[in-house]
Amino acid sequence: MLGEQIGEDKGKITGQRVLEVVNGVPKIETSMSTIGKYKGVETTEIATYWASPGPDGVMRGEGQGVITTKDGSEMATWTGQGIGRFTSQGKIRFTGSLLFSTPSNGKLAFFNNLVGVFEFEADEQGNTSSKVWEWK
């Protein structure tokens, strides 16, 4: 069951590269940096994901990221999978799942063994935004 929204962030794409091309289908890696809040805690995040278009034009991808408190004293990580679709010229929207982990016993302790679902959007200028909900 979908639980409460636990986070939201905004950021920028910081780099892209083609990892490989197999039978004319590219696997593209994208890195980003964001600033946001999770359960009221101010955070920064770096993440990298890859995506490839399927024969139906839908992008399928996987990624990983590191979330830190604004002061850098605590850290959580995530791995995820998602499906992306182009919503309008230059914009793409991914939805999917995230598995979180942290050694933190402090402000980010809620991330330990948390499963989340996300919405992520990027525009042609490289601006990103995402929202995360807890899955119960």
Foldseek 3Di string as FASTA:
>chain_A
DWAAWFKKKKWFWDDKDFPDADPNKTWMKIKIKIWIGGNRFTKIKIKMKIWIADPVRKIKMKMKMKIAGPVRPFIKMKIWIWIWDADDVFKIKIKTKIFMDTPDPPDCRVNHRWIWIKIKMAGNRGMIMMIITTDD
